[in-house]
N, C-alpha and C. Protein backbone atom coordinates (compact mmCIF):
# COMPACT_ATOMS: atom_id res chain seq x y z
N UNK A 1 8.56 13.59 -67.70
CA UNK A 1 9.22 13.65 -66.41
C UNK A 1 8.58 14.64 -65.46
N UNK A 2 7.56 15.34 -65.94
CA UNK A 2 6.93 16.36 -65.11
C UNK A 2 6.17 15.73 -63.93
N UNK A 3 5.78 14.45 -64.01
CA UNK A 3 5.05 13.78 -62.92
C UNK A 3 5.96 13.28 -61.82
N UNK A 4 7.28 13.17 -62.07
CA UNK A 4 8.22 12.63 -61.08
C UNK A 4 8.29 13.47 -59.81
N UNK A 5 8.47 14.79 -59.87
CA UNK A 5 8.53 15.58 -58.63
C UNK A 5 7.24 15.47 -57.82
N UNK A 6 6.11 15.41 -58.47
CA UNK A 6 4.84 15.31 -57.76
C UNK A 6 4.74 13.97 -57.04
N UNK A 7 5.20 12.88 -57.71
CA UNK A 7 5.17 11.56 -57.06
C UNK A 7 6.12 11.51 -55.87
N UNK A 8 7.31 12.12 -55.99
CA UNK A 8 8.26 12.13 -54.88
C UNK A 8 7.71 12.93 -53.70
N UNK A 9 7.11 14.08 -54.00
CA UNK A 9 6.51 14.89 -52.94
C UNK A 9 5.38 14.11 -52.26
N UNK A 10 4.58 13.42 -53.05
CA UNK A 10 3.49 12.64 -52.52
C UNK A 10 4.03 11.51 -51.63
N UNK A 11 5.10 10.87 -52.09
CA UNK A 11 5.71 9.78 -51.32
C UNK A 11 6.28 10.31 -50.00
N UNK A 12 6.95 11.47 -50.04
CA UNK A 12 7.50 12.07 -48.82
C UNK A 12 6.39 12.39 -47.83
N UNK A 13 5.30 12.91 -48.32
CA UNK A 13 4.17 13.25 -47.46
C UNK A 13 3.62 11.99 -46.79
N UNK A 14 3.50 10.92 -47.54
CA UNK A 14 2.99 9.67 -46.99
C UNK A 14 3.94 9.11 -45.93
N UNK A 15 5.25 9.15 -46.20
CA UNK A 15 6.23 8.65 -45.23
C UNK A 15 6.23 9.48 -43.95
N UNK A 16 6.13 10.80 -44.10
CA UNK A 16 6.07 11.67 -42.92
C UNK A 16 4.83 11.35 -42.09
N UNK A 17 3.71 11.16 -42.78
CA UNK A 17 2.47 10.84 -42.09
C UNK A 17 2.57 9.53 -41.33
N UNK A 18 3.18 8.52 -41.96
CA UNK A 18 3.35 7.22 -41.30
C UNK A 18 4.25 7.35 -40.08
N UNK A 19 5.31 8.13 -40.19
CA UNK A 19 6.22 8.33 -39.06
C UNK A 19 5.51 9.03 -37.91
N UNK A 20 4.73 10.05 -38.22
CA UNK A 20 3.99 10.76 -37.17
C UNK A 20 2.95 9.86 -36.52
N UNK A 21 2.28 9.05 -37.31
CA UNK A 21 1.28 8.14 -36.76
C UNK A 21 1.93 7.14 -35.82
N UNK A 22 3.09 6.62 -36.20
CA UNK A 22 3.81 5.68 -35.34
C UNK A 22 4.22 6.32 -34.04
N UNK A 23 4.73 7.54 -34.10
CA UNK A 23 5.14 8.26 -32.89
C UNK A 23 3.94 8.52 -31.99
N UNK A 24 2.81 8.88 -32.59
CA UNK A 24 1.60 9.13 -31.81
C UNK A 24 1.12 7.85 -31.13
N UNK A 25 1.20 6.73 -31.82
CA UNK A 25 0.78 5.45 -31.23
C UNK A 25 1.67 5.10 -30.05
N UNK A 26 2.97 5.31 -30.17
CA UNK A 26 3.87 5.03 -29.05
C UNK A 26 3.56 5.93 -27.87
N UNK A 27 3.29 7.19 -28.13
CA UNK A 27 2.94 8.12 -27.06
C UNK A 27 1.65 7.70 -26.37
N UNK A 28 0.66 7.29 -27.13
CA UNK A 28 -0.60 6.86 -26.55
C UNK A 28 -0.42 5.59 -25.72
N UNK A 29 0.41 4.67 -26.18
CA UNK A 29 0.65 3.44 -25.42
C UNK A 29 1.34 3.74 -24.11
N UNK A 30 2.26 4.69 -24.12
CA UNK A 30 2.97 5.04 -22.89
C UNK A 30 2.05 5.68 -21.87
N UNK A 31 0.97 6.30 -22.31
CA UNK A 31 0.05 6.97 -21.41
C UNK A 31 -1.22 6.16 -21.21
N UNK A 32 -1.21 4.91 -21.59
CA UNK A 32 -2.40 4.08 -21.49
C UNK A 32 -2.80 3.81 -20.05
N UNK A 33 -3.95 3.16 -19.83
CA UNK A 33 -4.45 2.90 -18.50
C UNK A 33 -3.46 2.08 -17.69
N UNK A 34 -3.33 2.43 -16.42
CA UNK A 34 -2.48 1.67 -15.51
C UNK A 34 -1.01 2.02 -15.60
N UNK A 35 -0.64 2.89 -16.50
CA UNK A 35 0.77 3.23 -16.65
C UNK A 35 1.20 4.21 -15.57
N UNK A 36 2.50 4.21 -15.31
CA UNK A 36 3.08 5.08 -14.30
C UNK A 36 3.01 6.53 -14.74
N UNK A 37 2.53 7.36 -13.87
CA UNK A 37 2.55 8.79 -14.11
C UNK A 37 3.89 9.31 -13.62
N UNK A 38 4.21 10.54 -13.93
CA UNK A 38 5.46 11.13 -13.52
C UNK A 38 5.48 11.39 -12.01
N UNK A 39 4.35 11.24 -11.35
CA UNK A 39 4.23 11.52 -9.93
C UNK A 39 4.88 10.43 -9.08
N UNK A 40 5.06 10.75 -7.81
CA UNK A 40 5.64 9.83 -6.84
C UNK A 40 4.70 8.64 -6.63
N UNK A 41 5.25 7.42 -6.41
CA UNK A 41 4.39 6.26 -6.16
C UNK A 41 3.80 6.27 -4.74
N UNK A 42 4.24 7.20 -3.90
CA UNK A 42 3.70 7.32 -2.55
C UNK A 42 3.14 8.73 -2.36
N UNK A 43 2.13 8.87 -1.49
CA UNK A 43 1.54 10.20 -1.27
C UNK A 43 2.59 11.20 -0.78
N UNK A 44 2.52 12.41 -1.30
CA UNK A 44 3.44 13.47 -0.88
C UNK A 44 2.76 14.42 0.10
N UNK A 45 1.46 14.22 0.32
CA UNK A 45 0.69 15.00 1.29
C UNK A 45 -0.28 14.03 1.97
N UNK A 46 -0.79 14.38 3.14
CA UNK A 46 -1.74 13.50 3.82
C UNK A 46 -2.98 13.23 2.97
N UNK A 47 -3.44 11.96 2.98
CA UNK A 47 -4.61 11.54 2.21
C UNK A 47 -5.58 10.84 3.17
N UNK A 48 -6.81 11.34 3.24
CA UNK A 48 -7.84 10.74 4.08
C UNK A 48 -8.36 9.49 3.37
N UNK A 49 -8.21 8.34 4.02
CA UNK A 49 -8.64 7.08 3.41
C UNK A 49 -10.05 6.67 3.82
N UNK A 50 -10.56 7.27 4.87
CA UNK A 50 -11.90 6.90 5.33
C UNK A 50 -11.85 6.22 6.68
N UNK A 51 -12.93 5.52 7.01
CA UNK A 51 -13.10 4.91 8.32
C UNK A 51 -12.03 3.87 8.64
N UNK A 52 -11.55 3.97 9.85
CA UNK A 52 -10.56 3.03 10.36
C UNK A 52 -11.11 1.60 10.33
N UNK A 53 -12.40 1.47 10.56
CA UNK A 53 -13.05 0.16 10.63
C UNK A 53 -13.10 -0.56 9.27
N UNK A 54 -12.75 0.11 8.19
CA UNK A 54 -12.81 -0.50 6.85
C UNK A 54 -11.73 -1.55 6.64
N UNK A 55 -10.71 -1.55 7.51
CA UNK A 55 -9.64 -2.55 7.39
C UNK A 55 -9.73 -3.50 8.58
N UNK A 56 -10.16 -4.73 8.33
CA UNK A 56 -10.31 -5.68 9.44
C UNK A 56 -8.96 -6.15 9.98
N UNK A 57 -8.93 -6.52 11.25
CA UNK A 57 -7.72 -7.08 11.84
C UNK A 57 -7.34 -8.33 11.06
N UNK A 58 -6.08 -8.42 10.65
CA UNK A 58 -5.61 -9.55 9.86
C UNK A 58 -5.89 -9.41 8.37
N UNK A 59 -6.53 -8.32 8.00
CA UNK A 59 -6.90 -8.11 6.60
C UNK A 59 -6.23 -6.88 6.02
N UNK A 60 -6.53 -6.66 4.76
CA UNK A 60 -5.94 -5.52 4.05
C UNK A 60 -6.99 -4.90 3.15
N UNK A 61 -6.76 -3.66 2.81
CA UNK A 61 -7.68 -2.95 1.91
C UNK A 61 -6.88 -2.15 0.91
N UNK A 62 -7.36 -2.17 -0.33
CA UNK A 62 -6.75 -1.42 -1.41
C UNK A 62 -7.52 -0.12 -1.60
N UNK A 63 -6.80 0.99 -1.53
CA UNK A 63 -7.34 2.30 -1.83
C UNK A 63 -6.76 2.70 -3.18
N UNK A 64 -7.41 2.23 -4.22
CA UNK A 64 -6.86 2.36 -5.57
C UNK A 64 -6.70 3.82 -6.00
N UNK A 65 -7.68 4.66 -5.71
CA UNK A 65 -7.58 6.07 -6.11
C UNK A 65 -6.44 6.78 -5.40
N UNK A 66 -6.18 6.41 -4.15
CA UNK A 66 -5.08 7.00 -3.39
C UNK A 66 -3.76 6.29 -3.67
N UNK A 67 -3.83 5.15 -4.38
CA UNK A 67 -2.66 4.32 -4.71
C UNK A 67 -1.93 3.84 -3.46
N UNK A 68 -2.75 3.37 -2.49
CA UNK A 68 -2.23 2.89 -1.21
C UNK A 68 -2.94 1.60 -0.85
N UNK A 69 -2.20 0.68 -0.23
CA UNK A 69 -2.80 -0.51 0.34
C UNK A 69 -2.46 -0.49 1.83
N UNK A 70 -3.45 -0.85 2.67
CA UNK A 70 -3.26 -0.82 4.11
C UNK A 70 -3.55 -2.21 4.67
N UNK A 71 -2.67 -2.65 5.55
CA UNK A 71 -2.79 -3.94 6.24
C UNK A 71 -2.93 -3.66 7.73
N UNK A 72 -3.79 -4.42 8.42
CA UNK A 72 -4.01 -4.27 9.85
C UNK A 72 -3.59 -5.56 10.57
N UNK A 73 -2.34 -5.62 11.09
CA UNK A 73 -1.88 -6.84 11.75
C UNK A 73 -2.53 -7.07 13.12
N UNK A 74 -2.94 -5.99 13.80
CA UNK A 74 -3.57 -6.08 15.12
C UNK A 74 -4.43 -4.84 15.31
N UNK A 75 -5.38 -4.93 16.22
CA UNK A 75 -6.28 -3.79 16.45
C UNK A 75 -5.46 -2.53 16.74
N UNK A 76 -5.75 -1.48 15.96
CA UNK A 76 -5.08 -0.21 16.15
C UNK A 76 -3.71 -0.10 15.48
N UNK A 77 -3.26 -1.15 14.80
CA UNK A 77 -1.97 -1.12 14.10
C UNK A 77 -2.22 -1.18 12.60
N UNK A 78 -1.49 -0.35 11.85
CA UNK A 78 -1.65 -0.32 10.40
C UNK A 78 -0.32 -0.21 9.71
N UNK A 79 -0.21 -0.93 8.61
CA UNK A 79 0.98 -0.86 7.76
C UNK A 79 0.51 -0.44 6.38
N UNK A 80 1.16 0.53 5.82
CA UNK A 80 0.77 1.00 4.49
C UNK A 80 1.89 0.81 3.48
N UNK A 81 1.49 0.57 2.25
CA UNK A 81 2.43 0.42 1.14
C UNK A 81 1.84 1.09 -0.09
N UNK A 82 2.71 1.50 -0.98
CA UNK A 82 2.26 2.03 -2.26
C UNK A 82 1.54 0.91 -3.02
N UNK A 83 0.48 1.26 -3.73
CA UNK A 83 -0.23 0.29 -4.57
C UNK A 83 0.23 0.39 -6.02
N UNK A 84 1.38 1.05 -6.24
CA UNK A 84 1.94 1.20 -7.58
C UNK A 84 2.99 0.11 -7.78
N UNK A 85 2.75 -0.77 -8.74
CA UNK A 85 3.68 -1.87 -9.02
C UNK A 85 5.06 -1.32 -9.36
N UNK A 86 6.07 -1.94 -8.78
CA UNK A 86 7.45 -1.50 -9.00
C UNK A 86 8.03 -1.98 -10.33
N UNK A 87 7.28 -2.77 -11.08
CA UNK A 87 7.77 -3.23 -12.38
C UNK A 87 7.66 -2.12 -13.42
N UNK A 88 6.42 -1.68 -13.71
CA UNK A 88 6.26 -0.63 -14.71
C UNK A 88 5.23 0.41 -14.31
N UNK A 89 4.89 0.47 -13.03
CA UNK A 89 4.06 1.55 -12.53
C UNK A 89 2.56 1.40 -12.64
N UNK A 90 2.05 0.22 -12.94
CA UNK A 90 0.61 0.02 -12.96
C UNK A 90 0.10 0.00 -11.52
N UNK A 91 -1.16 0.36 -11.33
CA UNK A 91 -1.75 0.35 -10.00
C UNK A 91 -2.39 -1.01 -9.76
N UNK A 92 -2.14 -1.58 -8.58
CA UNK A 92 -2.74 -2.87 -8.23
C UNK A 92 -4.26 -2.77 -8.36
N UNK A 93 -4.90 -3.88 -8.75
CA UNK A 93 -6.34 -3.84 -8.95
C UNK A 93 -7.12 -4.59 -7.89
N UNK A 94 -6.49 -5.53 -7.21
CA UNK A 94 -7.23 -6.25 -6.18
C UNK A 94 -6.28 -6.88 -5.18
N UNK A 95 -6.88 -7.23 -4.03
CA UNK A 95 -6.15 -7.97 -3.00
C UNK A 95 -6.91 -9.26 -2.78
N UNK A 96 -6.19 -10.37 -2.88
CA UNK A 96 -6.76 -11.68 -2.60
C UNK A 96 -6.04 -12.18 -1.35
N UNK A 97 -6.82 -12.30 -0.27
CA UNK A 97 -6.27 -12.60 1.06
C UNK A 97 -5.29 -11.50 1.42
N UNK A 98 -4.00 -11.75 1.36
CA UNK A 98 -3.02 -10.69 1.65
C UNK A 98 -2.04 -10.53 0.49
N UNK A 99 -2.50 -10.82 -0.72
CA UNK A 99 -1.67 -10.68 -1.91
C UNK A 99 -2.27 -9.62 -2.83
N UNK A 100 -1.48 -8.59 -3.13
CA UNK A 100 -1.90 -7.55 -4.06
C UNK A 100 -1.52 -7.95 -5.47
N UNK A 101 -2.44 -7.77 -6.41
CA UNK A 101 -2.22 -8.22 -7.77
C UNK A 101 -2.15 -7.06 -8.77
N UNK A 102 -1.13 -7.11 -9.63
CA UNK A 102 -0.95 -6.12 -10.68
C UNK A 102 -1.56 -6.66 -11.97
N UNK A 103 -2.42 -5.87 -12.63
CA UNK A 103 -3.10 -6.35 -13.83
C UNK A 103 -2.23 -6.34 -15.09
N UNK A 104 -1.14 -5.61 -15.07
CA UNK A 104 -0.39 -5.41 -16.31
C UNK A 104 0.49 -6.59 -16.71
N UNK A 105 1.28 -7.10 -15.79
CA UNK A 105 2.21 -8.18 -16.15
C UNK A 105 2.21 -9.31 -15.13
N UNK A 106 1.25 -9.30 -14.20
CA UNK A 106 1.09 -10.43 -13.29
C UNK A 106 1.93 -10.40 -12.02
N UNK A 107 2.59 -9.30 -11.73
CA UNK A 107 3.34 -9.24 -10.48
C UNK A 107 2.38 -9.33 -9.30
N UNK A 108 2.85 -9.94 -8.22
CA UNK A 108 2.06 -10.07 -7.00
C UNK A 108 2.93 -9.69 -5.82
N UNK A 109 2.30 -9.06 -4.83
CA UNK A 109 3.01 -8.56 -3.67
C UNK A 109 2.32 -9.00 -2.39
N UNK A 110 3.11 -9.32 -1.36
CA UNK A 110 2.59 -9.60 -0.03
C UNK A 110 2.29 -8.25 0.60
N UNK A 111 1.02 -7.94 0.83
CA UNK A 111 0.67 -6.62 1.35
C UNK A 111 0.91 -6.50 2.85
N UNK A 112 1.38 -7.55 3.49
CA UNK A 112 1.76 -7.46 4.91
C UNK A 112 3.19 -6.97 5.05
N UNK A 113 3.99 -7.12 3.99
CA UNK A 113 5.41 -6.73 4.03
C UNK A 113 5.82 -5.86 2.85
N UNK A 114 5.04 -5.87 1.78
CA UNK A 114 5.41 -5.16 0.56
C UNK A 114 6.30 -5.97 -0.37
N UNK A 115 6.74 -7.15 0.06
CA UNK A 115 7.68 -7.96 -0.72
C UNK A 115 7.03 -8.58 -1.96
N UNK A 116 7.85 -8.77 -2.99
CA UNK A 116 7.41 -9.41 -4.23
C UNK A 116 7.18 -10.89 -3.97
N UNK A 117 6.00 -11.38 -4.38
CA UNK A 117 5.67 -12.80 -4.28
C UNK A 117 5.87 -13.47 -5.64
N UNK A 118 5.57 -12.73 -6.71
CA UNK A 118 5.70 -13.23 -8.07
C UNK A 118 6.09 -12.07 -8.98
N UNK A 119 7.10 -12.28 -9.82
CA UNK A 119 7.56 -11.26 -10.75
C UNK A 119 6.64 -11.09 -11.92
N UNK A 120 7.02 -10.19 -12.78
CA UNK A 120 8.36 -9.72 -13.09
C UNK A 120 8.91 -8.62 -12.18
N UNK A 121 8.11 -8.02 -11.31
CA UNK A 121 8.64 -6.98 -10.41
C UNK A 121 9.79 -7.57 -9.59
N UNK A 122 10.81 -6.77 -9.35
CA UNK A 122 11.97 -7.19 -8.57
C UNK A 122 12.05 -6.47 -7.22
N UNK A 123 11.48 -5.26 -7.15
CA UNK A 123 11.57 -4.43 -5.95
C UNK A 123 10.27 -4.49 -5.15
N UNK A 124 10.36 -4.43 -3.82
CA UNK A 124 9.14 -4.42 -3.00
C UNK A 124 8.36 -3.12 -3.15
N UNK A 125 7.12 -3.14 -2.70
CA UNK A 125 6.31 -1.93 -2.69
C UNK A 125 6.89 -0.98 -1.64
N UNK A 126 7.03 0.30 -1.97
CA UNK A 126 7.54 1.26 -0.98
C UNK A 126 6.56 1.44 0.18
N UNK A 127 7.08 1.58 1.41
CA UNK A 127 6.19 1.81 2.55
C UNK A 127 5.55 3.20 2.49
N UNK A 128 4.35 3.29 3.04
CA UNK A 128 3.63 4.56 3.15
C UNK A 128 3.18 4.69 4.61
N UNK A 129 3.52 5.78 5.26
CA UNK A 129 3.04 5.96 6.64
C UNK A 129 1.52 6.02 6.67
N UNK A 130 0.91 5.31 7.62
CA UNK A 130 -0.54 5.32 7.80
C UNK A 130 -0.80 5.50 9.29
N UNK A 131 -1.75 6.36 9.62
CA UNK A 131 -2.08 6.59 11.01
C UNK A 131 -3.59 6.79 11.13
N UNK A 132 -4.09 6.56 12.33
CA UNK A 132 -5.51 6.80 12.61
C UNK A 132 -5.63 8.15 13.30
N UNK A 133 -6.57 8.94 12.82
CA UNK A 133 -6.86 10.24 13.42
C UNK A 133 -8.36 10.39 13.52
N UNK A 134 -8.87 10.40 14.74
CA UNK A 134 -10.31 10.60 14.94
C UNK A 134 -11.17 9.56 14.27
N UNK A 135 -10.73 8.30 14.28
CA UNK A 135 -11.51 7.22 13.68
C UNK A 135 -11.33 7.06 12.18
N UNK A 136 -10.49 7.90 11.59
CA UNK A 136 -10.21 7.81 10.16
C UNK A 136 -8.76 7.44 9.93
N UNK A 137 -8.51 6.79 8.81
CA UNK A 137 -7.13 6.47 8.42
C UNK A 137 -6.61 7.59 7.53
N UNK A 138 -5.36 7.95 7.77
CA UNK A 138 -4.70 8.97 6.98
C UNK A 138 -3.37 8.39 6.50
N UNK A 139 -3.13 8.46 5.19
CA UNK A 139 -1.87 7.97 4.61
C UNK A 139 -1.03 9.16 4.18
N UNK A 140 0.27 8.95 4.21
CA UNK A 140 1.18 9.99 3.75
C UNK A 140 1.93 10.65 4.88
N UNK A 141 2.75 11.64 4.54
CA UNK A 141 3.58 12.29 5.54
C UNK A 141 2.77 13.12 6.53
N UNK A 142 3.38 13.35 7.69
CA UNK A 142 2.75 14.18 8.72
C UNK A 142 2.33 13.36 9.91
N UNK A 143 2.21 14.02 11.04
CA UNK A 143 1.76 13.34 12.25
C UNK A 143 2.84 12.52 12.90
N UNK A 144 2.58 12.01 14.09
CA UNK A 144 3.58 11.27 14.87
C UNK A 144 3.91 9.90 14.32
N UNK A 145 3.07 9.33 13.44
CA UNK A 145 3.29 7.96 12.97
C UNK A 145 3.92 7.91 11.59
N UNK A 146 4.56 8.97 11.15
CA UNK A 146 5.11 9.01 9.79
C UNK A 146 6.47 8.36 9.69
N UNK A 147 6.63 7.25 10.33
CA UNK A 147 7.90 6.53 10.28
C UNK A 147 8.11 5.95 8.90
N UNK A 148 9.35 5.73 8.52
CA UNK A 148 9.68 5.19 7.20
C UNK A 148 9.25 3.74 7.06
N UNK A 149 8.82 3.12 8.14
CA UNK A 149 8.41 1.72 8.07
C UNK A 149 7.05 1.54 7.43
N UNK A 150 6.28 2.63 7.35
CA UNK A 150 4.97 2.52 6.74
C UNK A 150 3.94 1.98 7.70
N UNK A 151 4.25 1.94 9.00
CA UNK A 151 3.29 1.40 9.95
C UNK A 151 2.88 2.45 10.95
N UNK A 152 1.72 2.24 11.53
CA UNK A 152 1.22 3.10 12.58
C UNK A 152 0.70 2.21 13.69
N UNK A 153 1.01 2.54 14.90
CA UNK A 153 0.55 1.69 15.99
C UNK A 153 -0.64 2.28 16.72
N UNK A 154 -1.06 3.48 16.38
CA UNK A 154 -2.21 4.08 17.06
C UNK A 154 -3.50 3.62 16.42
N UNK A 155 -3.63 3.74 15.11
CA UNK A 155 -4.82 3.35 14.35
C UNK A 155 -4.69 3.77 12.91
N UNK A 156 -5.37 3.08 12.02
CA UNK A 156 -5.44 3.42 10.60
C UNK A 156 -6.35 2.47 9.86
N UNK A 157 -6.83 2.82 8.58
CA UNK A 157 -7.73 1.94 7.83
C UNK A 157 -7.50 1.98 6.34
N UNK A 158 -8.33 1.21 5.53
CA UNK A 158 -8.17 1.16 4.08
C UNK A 158 -9.46 0.85 3.37
N UNK A 159 -9.50 0.91 2.03
CA UNK A 159 -10.69 0.64 1.24
C UNK A 159 -10.48 -0.57 0.35
N UNK A 160 -11.47 -1.43 0.18
CA UNK A 160 -11.31 -2.65 -0.62
C UNK A 160 -10.77 -3.73 0.29
N UNK A 161 -11.32 -3.87 1.45
CA UNK A 161 -10.78 -4.75 2.48
C UNK A 161 -10.87 -6.21 2.11
N UNK A 162 -9.83 -6.91 2.47
CA UNK A 162 -9.78 -8.37 2.31
C UNK A 162 -9.29 -8.92 3.61
N UNK A 163 -9.95 -9.93 4.11
CA UNK A 163 -9.48 -10.54 5.33
C UNK A 163 -9.00 -11.95 5.03
N UNK A 164 -8.10 -12.44 5.87
CA UNK A 164 -7.52 -13.76 5.60
C UNK A 164 -8.60 -14.83 5.65
N UNK A 165 -8.40 -15.85 4.82
CA UNK A 165 -9.38 -16.95 4.79
C UNK A 165 -8.81 -18.19 5.43
């Protein structure tokens, strides 16, 4: 019977190891690519997006690093939305015409309005104020165009431009 305690201790060690490995795998999956960070889905400080000319009239541009999409309905007018999917927080990867696409579960959004075109997302993309300053687009709070509508009528731009076909 002297081998029984050693076998039980060995079994407990193996079970603890399996439990820790499972917990670590869950933690890694939760932090995987495209997952929502604890941060806000919209900029909390002004973000320089680059040249105003990068967003064509009638087109949109995805600024993936800034997590913003910008649409230009008319010359000098810009509408901005968060590029963070409202389903589970993945960042949109591309814009086809005026539809933003989420790579994680297939949600699609109309980047002219932020509305859901295809689920599983249920909520629209939150608006982001966008304004033009000195030929550059700036997203986020601050300045005269920081209305809750996410639009700017003076000027603004985006990166990853797509124009209507």
